[in-house]
Amino acid sequence: MAETETAPGYEQARDELIEVVRKLEAGGTSLEDSLALWERGEELATVCRHWLEGARARLDSALAARDGATEDAEGARGE
């Protein structure tokens, strides 16, 4: 993906990736078209992976903050 392009959102990338996979599985495309589809699929998979990794990091951070707040509250009560 070129640096000047805006990366699609997760849902948009996922939906396009699903369509790319359908086209590849259906066959009937030339070798050149199949390679272009595969390359696009790899780009989209990378976009999805980045979104999911970011979501996982946010969840981990929120859970760590929650767990830290729980431990602080328990410590203040002397537990």
Protein backbone atom coordinates (compact mmCIF):
# COMPACT_ATOMS: atom_id res chain seq x y z
CA MET A 1 0.00 0.00 0.00
CA ALA A 2 1.45 3.38 -0.95
CA GLU A 3 2.29 5.74 1.87
CA THR A 4 -0.08 8.39 0.50
CA GLU A 5 -3.07 6.06 0.64
CA THR A 6 -5.21 5.91 3.74
CA ALA A 7 -5.42 2.42 5.18
CA PRO A 8 -8.96 1.06 5.19
CA GLY A 9 -10.76 0.35 8.42
CA TYR A 10 -10.84 -3.20 9.74
CA GLU A 11 -14.31 -4.05 8.44
CA GLN A 12 -13.61 -2.62 5.00
CA ALA A 13 -10.31 -4.50 4.73
CA ARG A 14 -11.90 -7.72 5.99
CA ASP A 15 -14.80 -7.49 3.53
CA GLU A 16 -12.47 -6.82 0.61
CA LEU A 17 -10.21 -9.68 1.72
CA ILE A 18 -13.20 -12.04 1.76
CA GLU A 19 -14.03 -10.98 -1.79
CA VAL A 20 -10.43 -11.50 -2.93
CA VAL A 21 -10.42 -15.01 -1.45
CA ARG A 22 -13.74 -15.82 -3.16
CA LYS A 23 -12.33 -14.74 -6.52
CA LEU A 24 -9.17 -16.77 -6.03
CA GLU A 25 -11.11 -19.85 -4.93
CA ALA A 26 -13.49 -19.56 -7.88
CA GLY A 27 -10.57 -19.70 -10.29
CA GLY A 28 -10.92 -18.80 -13.92
CA THR A 29 -8.58 -15.81 -13.71
CA SER A 30 -5.31 -15.44 -15.54
CA LEU A 31 -2.04 -16.04 -13.75
CA GLU A 32 -1.34 -12.30 -13.73
CA ASP A 33 -4.77 -11.50 -12.27
CA SER A 34 -4.40 -14.26 -9.69
CA LEU A 35 -1.03 -12.88 -8.60
CA ALA A 36 -2.47 -9.37 -8.34
CA LEU A 37 -5.35 -10.69 -6.25
CA TRP A 38 -2.96 -12.62 -4.02
CA GLU A 39 -0.80 -9.52 -3.50
CA ARG A 40 -3.87 -7.46 -2.64
CA GLY A 41 -5.00 -10.17 -0.25
CA GLU A 42 -1.63 -10.06 1.51
CA GLU A 43 -1.91 -6.26 1.87
CA LEU A 44 -5.42 -6.57 3.28
CA ALA A 45 -4.40 -9.34 5.67
CA THR A 46 -1.63 -7.08 6.98
CA VAL A 47 -4.10 -4.24 7.51
CA CYS A 48 -6.45 -6.57 9.40
CA ARG A 49 -3.58 -7.93 11.49
CA HIS A 50 -2.51 -4.40 12.47
CA TRP A 51 -6.06 -3.48 13.48
CA LEU A 52 -6.41 -6.66 15.55
CA GLU A 53 -3.01 -6.16 17.21
CA GLY A 54 -4.02 -2.60 18.09
CA ALA A 55 -7.32 -3.79 19.51
CA ARG A 56 -5.53 -6.46 21.56
CA ALA A 57 -3.11 -3.86 22.94
CA ARG A 58 -6.01 -1.60 23.93
CA LEU A 59 -7.79 -4.49 25.66
CA ASP A 60 -4.62 -5.55 27.46
CA SER A 61 -4.05 -1.97 28.60
CA ALA A 62 -7.62 -1.61 29.85
CA LEU A 63 -7.46 -4.94 31.68
CA ALA A 64 -4.11 -4.05 33.25
CA ALA A 65 -5.49 -0.69 34.39
CA ARG A 66 -8.56 -2.39 35.83
CA ASP A 67 -6.47 -5.02 37.59
CA GLY A 68 -4.14 -2.35 38.94
CA ALA A 69 -7.08 -0.35 40.28
CA THR A 70 -8.49 -3.48 41.92
CA GLU A 71 -5.14 -4.25 43.56
CA ASP A 72 -4.84 -0.64 44.78
CA ALA A 73 -8.34 -0.78 46.29
CA GLU A 74 -7.62 -4.10 48.00
CA GLY A 75 -4.33 -2.74 49.35
CA ALA A 76 -6.06 0.34 50.75
CA ARG A 77 -8.54 -1.91 52.59
CA GLY A 78 -5.70 -4.03 53.99
CA GLU A 79 -6.60 -7.21 52.14
